[in-house]
């Protein structure tokens, strides 16, 4: 089993698009704690959850991790389990 070392152009574009939505959420709300079932933008809630899972598994791309951390991204939402 070999992990993919790189992302496709489309995957980079999608990640950047979702990151931009997170930046807007952060600007509006002052934090990055997007709920998994975020009614205003369900795809953003799922994407944020995916970033946390990738981090937990060690599958995160270092540059992406750095960008998220610049927004004070919360990697572990202890006490806030998914419904």
Foldseek 3Di string as FASTA:
>chain_A
DDDDPDDDPVVVVVLVVLVVVQVVVCVVPVANCQACCRPVDNVNSVVLVVQLVCVVVVNDDVVSVVSCVVSVHDSDDPVRDHD
